[in-house]
Amino acid sequence: MKILRNKKASKLLAYYATNFGYKQPYQVLVDATFCQAALQNKVAVEDQLKKYLQTDLRCFTTQCIILEAEHLGQPLIGATRIVKQFSVFKCGHEGKPIGGSDCVRDMVKVSKFIVTTQDRSLQHYLRQIPGQALLYLHRSAPVLEPPSKKTKDIASQKISSLLTKAQKTLRKDPVHTDILTNKKRKKPKNPNPLSCKKKKIVKNGKV
């Protein structure tokens, strides 16, 4: 079952990479709610995600996420320690920090992140963004969410657009035009050998 889950996750990640420009090493944006769930379920975040996605990745957080977790105090002490282990991605709110979920909303506008969060309202927001990869914990198991209908529609439109451009390019070449229309180019035919008269040999002025 675990192998099937990992294969499914790899296929989903390949889908996001092919259609929406995600690249290795994949950037994972981790918030404090995810770290809290990981703590409760004894999940080593980065190691578990690498095993699940079977690829190279880097986990990031932001200063806004850390400051919010610190501000919440005792209930998130453990989660704060975990989230501080990750590299801090410059979010642009330095000096004027905002809420963690608001920071994530801004971050996904400027870079390709796989967002890990247990925040239901943030999850709902991210699902409305075509091509946004979302990951959460189901008990102790990471789950990369399948693409939404909106995401699939956008991907299909991109593929259709690329095919249309390719067809227009090929139509400019007569050889490729024949391929597209399933027509064979006519070549000059050699004369039927049976219909050709044999050459007459002339010897000493006589046929």
N, C-alpha and C. Protein backbone atom coordinates (compact mmCIF):
# COMPACT_ATOMS: atom_id res chain seq x y z
N MET A 1 0.83 -1.21 0.00
CA MET A 1 0.00 0.00 0.00
C MET A 1 0.86 1.26 0.00
N LYS A 2 1.96 1.23 0.81
CA LYS A 2 2.85 2.38 0.89
C LYS A 2 3.52 2.65 -0.45
N ILE A 3 3.91 1.57 -1.14
CA ILE A 3 4.56 1.72 -2.45
C ILE A 3 3.60 2.35 -3.45
N LEU A 4 2.34 1.93 -3.42
CA LEU A 4 1.33 2.50 -4.32
C LEU A 4 1.12 3.99 -4.04
N ARG A 5 1.10 4.36 -2.75
CA ARG A 5 0.95 5.77 -2.38
C ARG A 5 2.11 6.60 -2.92
N ASN A 6 3.33 6.04 -2.79
CA ASN A 6 4.51 6.77 -3.25
C ASN A 6 4.51 6.93 -4.76
N LYS A 7 4.09 5.89 -5.47
CA LYS A 7 4.03 5.95 -6.94
C LYS A 7 2.98 6.99 -7.38
N LYS A 8 1.86 6.99 -6.70
CA LYS A 8 0.81 7.96 -7.03
C LYS A 8 1.30 9.39 -6.80
N ALA A 9 2.01 9.59 -5.70
CA ALA A 9 2.55 10.91 -5.39
C ALA A 9 3.56 11.35 -6.45
N SER A 10 4.40 10.41 -6.89
CA SER A 10 5.41 10.73 -7.91
C SER A 10 4.74 11.13 -9.22
N LYS A 11 3.66 10.45 -9.58
CA LYS A 11 2.93 10.78 -10.81
C LYS A 11 2.28 12.16 -10.71
N LEU A 12 1.71 12.45 -9.55
CA LEU A 12 1.09 13.77 -9.35
C LEU A 12 2.13 14.88 -9.44
N LEU A 13 3.29 14.62 -8.83
CA LEU A 13 4.35 15.62 -8.86
C LEU A 13 4.86 15.84 -10.29
N ALA A 14 4.96 14.75 -11.05
CA ALA A 14 5.37 14.85 -12.46
C ALA A 14 4.35 15.65 -13.26
N TYR A 15 3.07 15.48 -12.91
CA TYR A 15 2.00 16.23 -13.58
C TYR A 15 2.16 17.73 -13.34
N TYR A 16 2.40 18.10 -12.09
CA TYR A 16 2.59 19.52 -11.76
C TYR A 16 3.85 20.06 -12.45
N ALA A 17 4.88 19.24 -12.51
CA ALA A 17 6.14 19.68 -13.14
C ALA A 17 5.96 19.88 -14.64
N THR A 18 5.28 18.96 -15.28
CA THR A 18 5.09 19.02 -16.74
C THR A 18 4.19 20.18 -17.14
N ASN A 19 3.13 20.39 -16.40
CA ASN A 19 2.12 21.37 -16.81
C ASN A 19 2.24 22.74 -16.17
N PHE A 20 2.96 22.82 -15.04
CA PHE A 20 2.97 24.11 -14.32
C PHE A 20 4.36 24.56 -13.88
N GLY A 21 5.39 23.96 -14.42
CA GLY A 21 6.73 24.49 -14.25
C GLY A 21 7.42 24.24 -12.92
N TYR A 22 6.97 23.28 -12.12
CA TYR A 22 7.70 22.93 -10.90
C TYR A 22 9.01 22.25 -11.29
N LYS A 23 10.09 22.60 -10.58
CA LYS A 23 11.39 22.05 -10.94
C LYS A 23 12.13 21.50 -9.72
N GLN A 24 13.01 20.54 -9.98
CA GLN A 24 13.84 20.00 -8.91
C GLN A 24 15.03 20.93 -8.65
N PRO A 25 15.52 21.03 -7.43
CA PRO A 25 14.90 20.46 -6.23
C PRO A 25 13.61 21.21 -5.91
N TYR A 26 12.55 20.47 -5.65
CA TYR A 26 11.25 21.09 -5.41
C TYR A 26 11.28 21.90 -4.11
N GLN A 27 10.63 23.06 -4.15
CA GLN A 27 10.56 23.93 -2.99
C GLN A 27 9.28 23.64 -2.20
N VAL A 28 9.45 23.32 -0.94
CA VAL A 28 8.31 23.01 -0.06
C VAL A 28 8.20 24.11 0.98
N LEU A 29 7.04 24.74 1.04
CA LEU A 29 6.80 25.81 2.01
C LEU A 29 6.01 25.24 3.19
N VAL A 30 6.64 25.24 4.35
CA VAL A 30 6.06 24.59 5.54
C VAL A 30 5.54 25.65 6.51
N ASP A 31 4.31 25.47 6.97
CA ASP A 31 3.79 26.40 7.98
C ASP A 31 3.72 25.74 9.35
N ALA A 32 3.38 26.52 10.37
CA ALA A 32 3.40 26.03 11.74
C ALA A 32 2.30 25.00 12.02
N THR A 33 1.17 25.11 11.34
CA THR A 33 0.09 24.14 11.56
C THR A 33 0.52 22.74 11.11
N PHE A 34 1.29 22.69 10.03
CA PHE A 34 1.80 21.40 9.55
C PHE A 34 2.81 20.83 10.54
N CYS A 35 3.66 21.71 11.07
CA CYS A 35 4.66 21.27 12.05
C CYS A 35 3.99 20.77 13.34
N GLN A 36 2.90 21.41 13.72
CA GLN A 36 2.16 20.97 14.91
C GLN A 36 1.59 19.57 14.70
N ALA A 37 1.01 19.34 13.53
CA ALA A 37 0.47 18.01 13.21
C ALA A 37 1.59 16.98 13.14
N ALA A 38 2.73 17.37 12.57
CA ALA A 38 3.88 16.47 12.47
C ALA A 38 4.38 16.08 13.86
N LEU A 39 4.40 17.05 14.77
CA LEU A 39 4.84 16.80 16.15
C LEU A 39 3.89 15.82 16.84
N GLN A 40 2.61 16.05 16.69
CA GLN A 40 1.61 15.19 17.34
C GLN A 40 1.65 13.76 16.82
N ASN A 41 2.01 13.61 15.53
CA ASN A 41 2.03 12.28 14.92
C ASN A 41 3.43 11.71 14.77
N LYS A 42 4.41 12.39 15.39
CA LYS A 42 5.80 11.93 15.40
C LYS A 42 6.34 11.73 13.98
N VAL A 43 6.17 12.76 13.16
CA VAL A 43 6.63 12.73 11.77
C VAL A 43 7.85 13.65 11.62
N ALA A 44 8.94 13.09 11.10
CA ALA A 44 10.12 13.90 10.77
C ALA A 44 9.85 14.53 9.41
N VAL A 45 9.53 15.81 9.39
CA VAL A 45 8.97 16.46 8.22
C VAL A 45 9.78 16.24 6.94
N GLU A 46 11.01 16.73 6.91
CA GLU A 46 11.79 16.69 5.66
C GLU A 46 12.09 15.27 5.21
N ASP A 47 12.50 14.41 6.14
CA ASP A 47 12.81 13.02 5.79
C ASP A 47 11.58 12.29 5.26
N GLN A 48 10.44 12.50 5.93
CA GLN A 48 9.21 11.83 5.52
C GLN A 48 8.74 12.30 4.15
N LEU A 49 8.87 13.59 3.88
CA LEU A 49 8.43 14.12 2.59
C LEU A 49 9.31 13.61 1.45
N LYS A 50 10.61 13.50 1.71
CA LYS A 50 11.52 12.97 0.68
C LYS A 50 11.20 11.51 0.36
N LYS A 51 10.89 10.74 1.38
CA LYS A 51 10.53 9.34 1.16
C LYS A 51 9.20 9.22 0.42
N TYR A 52 8.27 10.08 0.77
CA TYR A 52 6.94 10.03 0.17
C TYR A 52 6.96 10.48 -1.29
N LEU A 53 7.63 11.59 -1.57
CA LEU A 53 7.65 12.13 -2.93
C LEU A 53 8.74 11.51 -3.79
N GLN A 54 9.69 10.82 -3.14
CA GLN A 54 10.77 10.12 -3.84
C GLN A 54 11.54 11.06 -4.78
N THR A 55 11.92 12.19 -4.26
CA THR A 55 12.64 13.16 -5.09
C THR A 55 13.44 14.11 -4.20
N ASP A 56 14.24 14.93 -4.84
CA ASP A 56 15.03 15.92 -4.12
C ASP A 56 14.17 17.15 -3.85
N LEU A 57 14.21 17.64 -2.63
CA LEU A 57 13.41 18.82 -2.28
C LEU A 57 14.10 19.62 -1.18
N ARG A 58 13.65 20.85 -1.03
CA ARG A 58 14.15 21.72 0.03
C ARG A 58 12.97 22.33 0.77
N CYS A 59 13.01 22.25 2.09
CA CYS A 59 11.93 22.80 2.91
C CYS A 59 12.26 24.22 3.35
N PHE A 60 11.29 25.09 3.20
CA PHE A 60 11.44 26.49 3.59
C PHE A 60 10.28 26.90 4.50
N THR A 61 10.51 27.97 5.23
CA THR A 61 9.44 28.65 5.93
C THR A 61 9.69 30.15 5.73
N THR A 62 8.92 30.97 6.39
CA THR A 62 9.14 32.43 6.29
C THR A 62 9.22 33.03 7.69
N GLN A 63 9.76 34.23 7.76
CA GLN A 63 9.87 34.92 9.05
C GLN A 63 8.48 35.19 9.64
N CYS A 64 7.52 35.45 8.76
CA CYS A 64 6.15 35.70 9.24
C CYS A 64 5.57 34.47 9.93
N ILE A 65 5.82 33.31 9.37
CA ILE A 65 5.31 32.06 9.95
C ILE A 65 5.95 31.81 11.32
N ILE A 66 7.25 32.04 11.41
CA ILE A 66 7.97 31.83 12.67
C ILE A 66 7.48 32.80 13.74
N LEU A 67 7.36 34.08 13.39
CA LEU A 67 6.93 35.08 14.36
C LEU A 67 5.51 34.82 14.86
N GLU A 68 4.64 34.38 13.95
CA GLU A 68 3.27 34.07 14.38
C GLU A 68 3.25 32.91 15.36
N ALA A 69 4.06 31.87 15.06
CA ALA A 69 4.12 30.71 15.96
C ALA A 69 4.67 31.11 17.32
N GLU A 70 5.69 31.96 17.33
CA GLU A 70 6.25 32.43 18.60
C GLU A 70 5.23 33.25 19.38
N HIS A 71 4.47 34.05 18.68
CA HIS A 71 3.47 34.91 19.32
C HIS A 71 2.37 34.08 19.99
N LEU A 72 2.05 32.93 19.41
CA LEU A 72 1.00 32.07 19.98
C LEU A 72 1.47 31.36 21.24
N GLY A 73 2.77 31.34 21.47
CA GLY A 73 3.32 30.89 22.75
C GLY A 73 3.25 29.41 23.03
N GLN A 74 2.88 29.09 24.28
CA GLN A 74 2.95 27.73 24.81
C GLN A 74 2.34 26.64 23.93
N PRO A 75 1.15 26.82 23.38
CA PRO A 75 0.55 25.74 22.59
C PRO A 75 1.39 25.30 21.37
N LEU A 76 2.23 26.22 20.87
CA LEU A 76 2.99 25.91 19.66
C LEU A 76 4.50 25.93 19.88
N ILE A 77 4.92 25.72 21.12
CA ILE A 77 6.37 25.73 21.40
C ILE A 77 7.08 24.65 20.57
N GLY A 78 6.55 23.44 20.58
CA GLY A 78 7.17 22.34 19.83
C GLY A 78 7.17 22.61 18.33
N ALA A 79 6.03 23.09 17.82
CA ALA A 79 5.93 23.39 16.39
C ALA A 79 6.89 24.51 15.99
N THR A 80 7.06 25.48 16.88
CA THR A 80 7.98 26.59 16.61
C THR A 80 9.41 26.08 16.48
N ARG A 81 9.79 25.17 17.35
CA ARG A 81 11.15 24.59 17.29
C ARG A 81 11.36 23.86 15.96
N ILE A 82 10.33 23.17 15.52
CA ILE A 82 10.46 22.42 14.26
C ILE A 82 10.55 23.37 13.07
N VAL A 83 9.67 24.35 13.02
CA VAL A 83 9.62 25.25 11.87
C VAL A 83 10.90 26.08 11.76
N LYS A 84 11.56 26.32 12.89
CA LYS A 84 12.81 27.09 12.87
C LYS A 84 13.98 26.29 12.29
N GLN A 85 13.80 24.99 12.10
CA GLN A 85 14.86 24.16 11.53
C GLN A 85 15.02 24.38 10.03
N PHE A 86 14.00 24.95 9.40
CA PHE A 86 14.04 25.09 7.95
C PHE A 86 14.65 26.42 7.53
N SER A 87 15.13 26.45 6.29
CA SER A 87 15.68 27.69 5.75
C SER A 87 14.56 28.73 5.66
N VAL A 88 14.92 29.98 5.90
CA VAL A 88 13.94 31.07 5.85
C VAL A 88 13.99 31.72 4.46
N PHE A 89 12.87 31.66 3.77
CA PHE A 89 12.75 32.26 2.44
C PHE A 89 12.31 33.72 2.62
N LYS A 90 13.01 34.64 1.98
CA LYS A 90 12.64 36.05 2.10
C LYS A 90 11.28 36.30 1.48
N CYS A 91 10.36 36.72 2.30
CA CYS A 91 8.98 36.88 1.84
C CYS A 91 8.64 38.31 1.45
N GLY A 92 9.52 39.26 1.80
CA GLY A 92 9.25 40.66 1.47
C GLY A 92 8.50 41.40 2.55
N HIS A 93 8.20 40.70 3.67
CA HIS A 93 7.47 41.36 4.76
C HIS A 93 8.38 41.69 5.92
N GLU A 94 9.69 41.62 5.68
CA GLU A 94 10.64 41.92 6.74
C GLU A 94 10.41 43.34 7.26
N GLY A 95 10.32 43.46 8.59
CA GLY A 95 10.06 44.76 9.20
C GLY A 95 8.58 45.02 9.40
N LYS A 96 7.74 44.41 8.56
CA LYS A 96 6.29 44.55 8.68
C LYS A 96 5.64 43.17 8.52
N PRO A 97 5.87 42.29 9.49
CA PRO A 97 5.35 40.92 9.37
C PRO A 97 3.83 40.87 9.33
N ILE A 98 3.32 39.88 8.62
CA ILE A 98 1.88 39.65 8.53
C ILE A 98 1.58 38.24 9.02
N GLY A 99 0.31 37.86 9.05
CA GLY A 99 -0.06 36.52 9.50
C GLY A 99 0.54 35.44 8.61
N GLY A 100 0.76 34.27 9.19
CA GLY A 100 1.39 33.18 8.45
C GLY A 100 0.64 32.78 7.19
N SER A 101 -0.69 32.63 7.29
CA SER A 101 -1.47 32.21 6.12
C SER A 101 -1.49 33.29 5.05
N ASP A 102 -1.52 34.56 5.47
CA ASP A 102 -1.47 35.67 4.50
C ASP A 102 -0.12 35.69 3.80
N CYS A 103 0.92 35.39 4.53
CA CYS A 103 2.26 35.34 3.95
C CYS A 103 2.35 34.24 2.89
N VAL A 104 1.77 33.08 3.19
CA VAL A 104 1.77 31.96 2.23
C VAL A 104 1.01 32.37 0.97
N ARG A 105 -0.11 33.05 1.13
CA ARG A 105 -0.89 33.52 -0.02
C ARG A 105 -0.04 34.40 -0.95
N ASP A 106 0.79 35.24 -0.34
CA ASP A 106 1.67 36.10 -1.14
C ASP A 106 2.80 35.31 -1.78
N MET A 107 3.33 34.35 -1.06
CA MET A 107 4.47 33.58 -1.55
C MET A 107 4.15 32.77 -2.79
N VAL A 108 2.96 32.20 -2.85
CA VAL A 108 2.63 31.35 -4.00
C VAL A 108 2.40 32.16 -5.27
N LYS A 109 2.32 33.48 -5.12
CA LYS A 109 2.16 34.35 -6.29
C LYS A 109 3.50 34.61 -6.99
N VAL A 110 4.59 34.42 -6.26
CA VAL A 110 5.90 34.80 -6.80
C VAL A 110 6.82 33.62 -7.06
N SER A 111 6.50 32.44 -6.54
CA SER A 111 7.37 31.28 -6.76
C SER A 111 6.56 29.99 -6.69
N LYS A 112 7.15 28.91 -7.25
CA LYS A 112 6.47 27.61 -7.27
C LYS A 112 6.80 26.83 -6.00
N PHE A 113 5.84 26.76 -5.11
CA PHE A 113 6.00 26.04 -3.86
C PHE A 113 4.98 24.90 -3.77
N ILE A 114 5.43 23.78 -3.20
CA ILE A 114 4.48 22.79 -2.71
C ILE A 114 4.17 23.24 -1.29
N VAL A 115 2.95 23.66 -1.04
CA VAL A 115 2.59 24.20 0.28
C VAL A 115 2.09 23.08 1.18
N THR A 116 2.69 22.99 2.38
CA THR A 116 2.24 22.02 3.36
C THR A 116 1.54 22.76 4.49
N THR A 117 0.27 22.47 4.70
CA THR A 117 -0.50 23.16 5.73
C THR A 117 -1.69 22.32 6.18
N GLN A 118 -2.06 22.51 7.43
CA GLN A 118 -3.27 21.89 7.98
C GLN A 118 -4.38 22.91 8.13
N ASP A 119 -4.10 24.15 7.78
CA ASP A 119 -5.07 25.25 7.90
C ASP A 119 -6.16 25.08 6.84
N ARG A 120 -7.37 24.79 7.26
CA ARG A 120 -8.47 24.49 6.33
C ARG A 120 -8.80 25.68 5.42
N SER A 121 -8.82 26.87 5.99
CA SER A 121 -9.16 28.04 5.18
C SER A 121 -8.07 28.32 4.15
N LEU A 122 -6.81 28.11 4.52
CA LEU A 122 -5.71 28.29 3.58
C LEU A 122 -5.76 27.21 2.50
N GLN A 123 -6.08 25.99 2.88
CA GLN A 123 -6.22 24.91 1.90
C GLN A 123 -7.29 25.26 0.87
N HIS A 124 -8.42 25.76 1.35
CA HIS A 124 -9.52 26.14 0.45
C HIS A 124 -9.06 27.22 -0.53
N TYR A 125 -8.31 28.20 -0.03
CA TYR A 125 -7.80 29.28 -0.90
C TYR A 125 -6.86 28.72 -1.97
N LEU A 126 -5.94 27.84 -1.56
CA LEU A 126 -4.94 27.30 -2.49
C LEU A 126 -5.58 26.43 -3.56
N ARG A 127 -6.68 25.78 -3.23
CA ARG A 127 -7.36 24.93 -4.22
C ARG A 127 -7.97 25.75 -5.36
N GLN A 128 -8.14 27.03 -5.15
CA GLN A 128 -8.71 27.88 -6.19
C GLN A 128 -7.64 28.37 -7.18
N ILE A 129 -6.38 28.10 -6.87
CA ILE A 129 -5.28 28.55 -7.74
C ILE A 129 -4.90 27.42 -8.69
N PRO A 130 -5.09 27.59 -9.99
CA PRO A 130 -4.74 26.52 -10.94
C PRO A 130 -3.25 26.17 -10.85
N GLY A 131 -2.98 24.88 -10.71
CA GLY A 131 -1.60 24.42 -10.70
C GLY A 131 -0.89 24.49 -9.37
N GLN A 132 -1.61 24.88 -8.31
CA GLN A 132 -0.96 24.99 -7.01
C GLN A 132 -0.92 23.62 -6.32
N ALA A 133 0.28 23.16 -6.00
CA ALA A 133 0.44 21.86 -5.33
C ALA A 133 0.22 22.04 -3.82
N LEU A 134 -0.63 21.19 -3.26
CA LEU A 134 -0.99 21.27 -1.84
C LEU A 134 -0.75 19.93 -1.17
N LEU A 135 -0.11 19.97 0.00
CA LEU A 135 0.19 18.73 0.72
C LEU A 135 -0.20 18.91 2.19
N TYR A 136 -0.76 17.86 2.78
CA TYR A 136 -1.15 17.91 4.18
C TYR A 136 -0.94 16.54 4.81
N LEU A 137 -1.10 16.47 6.12
CA LEU A 137 -0.96 15.20 6.82
C LEU A 137 -2.32 14.60 7.12
N HIS A 138 -2.47 13.33 6.79
CA HIS A 138 -3.64 12.57 7.21
C HIS A 138 -3.15 11.61 8.29
N ARG A 139 -3.36 11.99 9.55
CA ARG A 139 -2.73 11.32 10.68
C ARG A 139 -1.21 11.42 10.51
N SER A 140 -0.52 10.32 10.30
CA SER A 140 0.94 10.41 10.13
C SER A 140 1.36 10.28 8.68
N ALA A 141 0.40 10.23 7.76
CA ALA A 141 0.72 10.01 6.35
C ALA A 141 0.62 11.30 5.54
N PRO A 142 1.69 11.70 4.86
CA PRO A 142 1.60 12.87 3.98
C PRO A 142 0.72 12.55 2.77
N VAL A 143 -0.03 13.55 2.33
CA VAL A 143 -0.91 13.38 1.18
C VAL A 143 -0.73 14.56 0.23
N LEU A 144 -0.27 14.27 -0.98
CA LEU A 144 -0.22 15.30 -2.02
C LEU A 144 -1.56 15.29 -2.73
N GLU A 145 -2.26 16.40 -2.65
CA GLU A 145 -3.63 16.45 -3.16
C GLU A 145 -3.66 16.38 -4.69
N PRO A 146 -4.56 15.58 -5.26
CA PRO A 146 -4.70 15.53 -6.72
C PRO A 146 -5.13 16.89 -7.27
N PRO A 147 -4.82 17.16 -8.54
CA PRO A 147 -5.18 18.46 -9.12
C PRO A 147 -6.69 18.65 -9.14
N SER A 148 -7.12 19.87 -8.91
CA SER A 148 -8.54 20.21 -8.93
C SER A 148 -9.05 20.24 -10.37
N LYS A 149 -10.36 20.33 -10.53
CA LYS A 149 -10.95 20.41 -11.86
C LYS A 149 -10.44 21.65 -12.60
N LYS A 150 -10.32 22.75 -11.87
CA LYS A 150 -9.83 23.99 -12.47
C LYS A 150 -8.40 23.81 -12.98
N THR A 151 -7.58 23.11 -12.18
CA THR A 151 -6.20 22.85 -12.59
C THR A 151 -6.16 21.97 -13.84
N LYS A 152 -6.99 20.93 -13.87
CA LYS A 152 -7.02 20.04 -15.03
C LYS A 152 -7.48 20.78 -16.28
N ASP A 153 -8.45 21.67 -16.12
CA ASP A 153 -8.96 22.43 -17.27
C ASP A 153 -7.87 23.33 -17.85
N ILE A 154 -7.12 24.00 -16.98
CA ILE A 154 -6.04 24.87 -17.44
C ILE A 154 -4.96 24.07 -18.15
N ALA A 155 -4.63 22.90 -17.59
CA ALA A 155 -3.60 22.04 -18.21
C ALA A 155 -4.05 21.59 -19.59
N SER A 156 -5.33 21.22 -19.72
CA SER A 156 -5.87 20.78 -21.02
C SER A 156 -5.83 21.92 -22.04
N GLN A 157 -6.14 23.14 -21.59
CA GLN A 157 -6.09 24.30 -22.48
C GLN A 157 -4.67 24.55 -22.97
N LYS A 158 -3.70 24.38 -22.09
CA LYS A 158 -2.30 24.58 -22.47
C LYS A 158 -1.88 23.55 -23.52
N ILE A 159 -2.28 22.30 -23.32
CA ILE A 159 -1.93 21.24 -24.27
C ILE A 159 -2.57 21.50 -25.62
N SER A 160 -3.85 21.90 -25.61
CA SER A 160 -4.55 22.20 -26.85
C SER A 160 -3.89 23.36 -27.59
N SER A 161 -3.47 24.37 -26.84
CA SER A 161 -2.81 25.53 -27.44
C SER A 161 -1.49 25.12 -28.10
N LEU A 162 -0.72 24.27 -27.41
CA LEU A 162 0.56 23.81 -27.96
C LEU A 162 0.36 22.98 -29.23
N LEU A 163 -0.67 22.13 -29.22
CA LEU A 163 -0.96 21.31 -30.40
C LEU A 163 -1.38 22.18 -31.58
N THR A 164 -2.18 23.20 -31.30
CA THR A 164 -2.61 24.12 -32.37
C THR A 164 -1.42 24.84 -32.98
N LYS A 165 -0.50 25.31 -32.14
CA LYS A 165 0.69 26.00 -32.64
C LYS A 165 1.55 25.05 -33.47
N ALA A 166 1.68 23.80 -33.00
CA ALA A 166 2.49 22.81 -33.72
C ALA A 166 1.89 22.52 -35.09
N GLN A 167 0.56 22.41 -35.14
CA GLN A 167 -0.10 22.13 -36.41
C GLN A 167 0.07 23.29 -37.39
N LYS A 168 -0.02 24.53 -36.88
CA LYS A 168 0.16 25.70 -37.75
C LYS A 168 1.57 25.74 -38.31
N THR A 169 2.56 25.39 -37.46
CA THR A 169 3.95 25.37 -37.91
C THR A 169 4.17 24.31 -38.98
N LEU A 170 3.59 23.14 -38.75
CA LEU A 170 3.77 22.04 -39.70
C LEU A 170 3.09 22.32 -41.03
N ARG A 171 1.98 23.05 -40.99
CA ARG A 171 1.24 23.32 -42.22
C ARG A 171 2.03 24.23 -43.17
N LYS A 172 3.01 24.94 -42.62
CA LYS A 172 3.84 25.79 -43.47
C LYS A 172 4.81 24.97 -44.32
N ASP A 173 5.02 23.74 -43.92
CA ASP A 173 5.91 22.83 -44.65
C ASP A 173 5.05 21.85 -45.43
N PRO A 174 5.11 21.84 -46.77
CA PRO A 174 4.25 20.95 -47.57
C PRO A 174 4.43 19.48 -47.24
N VAL A 175 5.64 19.08 -46.88
CA VAL A 175 5.86 17.67 -46.54
C VAL A 175 5.08 17.30 -45.30
N HIS A 176 5.18 18.19 -44.26
CA HIS A 176 4.46 17.93 -43.03
C HIS A 176 2.95 18.11 -43.20
N THR A 177 2.56 18.96 -44.12
CA THR A 177 1.13 19.14 -44.39
C THR A 177 0.52 17.83 -44.85
N ASP A 178 1.23 17.13 -45.71
CA ASP A 178 0.74 15.84 -46.20
C ASP A 178 0.63 14.82 -45.07
N ILE A 179 1.57 14.92 -44.11
CA ILE A 179 1.52 14.00 -42.97
C ILE A 179 0.28 14.28 -42.13
N LEU A 180 0.01 15.59 -41.87
CA LEU A 180 -1.14 15.97 -41.06
C LEU A 180 -2.45 15.56 -41.70
N THR A 181 -2.52 15.66 -43.05
CA THR A 181 -3.77 15.35 -43.75
C THR A 181 -3.83 13.91 -44.24
N ASN A 182 -2.81 13.12 -43.87
CA ASN A 182 -2.75 11.71 -44.27
C ASN A 182 -2.73 11.53 -45.78
N LYS A 183 -2.15 12.47 -46.46
CA LYS A 183 -2.04 12.37 -47.91
C LYS A 183 -0.62 12.01 -48.29
N LYS A 184 -0.50 11.23 -49.37
CA LYS A 184 0.81 10.90 -49.88
C LYS A 184 1.12 11.82 -51.06
N ARG A 185 2.33 12.33 -51.05
CA ARG A 185 2.72 13.19 -52.16
C ARG A 185 2.87 12.35 -53.42
N LYS A 186 2.31 12.87 -54.50
CA LYS A 186 2.37 12.15 -55.76
C LYS A 186 3.75 12.30 -56.39
N LYS A 187 4.28 11.19 -56.79
CA LYS A 187 5.57 11.20 -57.45
C LYS A 187 5.37 10.82 -58.93
N PRO A 188 6.22 11.33 -59.80
CA PRO A 188 6.09 10.95 -61.21
C PRO A 188 6.27 9.45 -61.38
N LYS A 189 5.33 8.85 -62.11
CA LYS A 189 5.36 7.41 -62.29
C LYS A 189 6.23 7.03 -63.50
N ASN A 190 6.91 5.93 -63.37
CA ASN A 190 7.66 5.40 -64.50
C ASN A 190 6.69 4.76 -65.48
N PRO A 191 7.02 4.78 -66.78
CA PRO A 191 6.12 4.15 -67.76
C PRO A 191 6.01 2.65 -67.55
N ASN A 192 4.84 2.13 -67.89
CA ASN A 192 4.63 0.70 -67.79
C ASN A 192 5.56 -0.02 -68.77
N PRO A 193 6.41 -0.90 -68.28
CA PRO A 193 7.36 -1.57 -69.19
C PRO A 193 6.67 -2.40 -70.28
N LEU A 194 5.47 -2.89 -70.01
CA LEU A 194 4.76 -3.71 -71.01
C LEU A 194 4.24 -2.88 -72.16
N SER A 195 4.01 -1.60 -71.87
CA SER A 195 3.47 -0.74 -72.92
C SER A 195 4.57 -0.11 -73.78
N CYS A 196 5.79 -0.30 -73.34
CA CYS A 196 6.90 0.29 -74.08
C CYS A 196 7.30 -0.62 -75.25
N LYS A 197 7.45 -0.06 -76.42
CA LYS A 197 7.91 -0.83 -77.57
C LYS A 197 9.40 -1.07 -77.47
N LYS A 198 9.81 -2.26 -77.87
CA LYS A 198 11.22 -2.56 -77.86
C LYS A 198 11.93 -1.77 -78.95
N LYS A 199 13.15 -1.37 -78.63
CA LYS A 199 13.91 -0.62 -79.62
C LYS A 199 14.31 -1.54 -80.77
N LYS A 200 14.16 -1.01 -81.96
CA LYS A 200 14.54 -1.78 -83.14
C LYS A 200 16.04 -1.63 -83.41
N ILE A 201 16.66 -2.77 -83.62
CA ILE A 201 18.11 -2.78 -83.87
C ILE A 201 18.35 -2.74 -85.37
N VAL A 202 19.12 -1.82 -85.82
CA VAL A 202 19.40 -1.66 -87.24
C VAL A 202 20.79 -2.22 -87.56
N LYS A 203 20.85 -3.17 -88.50
CA LYS A 203 22.12 -3.74 -88.92
C LYS A 203 22.28 -3.57 -90.42
N ASN A 204 23.35 -2.98 -90.85
CA ASN A 204 23.67 -2.82 -92.28
C ASN A 204 22.53 -2.18 -93.06
N GLY A 205 21.89 -1.17 -92.37
CA GLY A 205 20.81 -0.48 -93.06
C GLY A 205 19.52 -1.20 -93.08
N LYS A 206 19.43 -2.41 -92.46
CA LYS A 206 18.18 -3.18 -92.43
C LYS A 206 17.71 -3.32 -90.98
N VAL A 207 16.37 -3.28 -90.84
CA VAL A 207 15.78 -3.44 -89.53
C VAL A 207 15.75 -4.90 -89.15
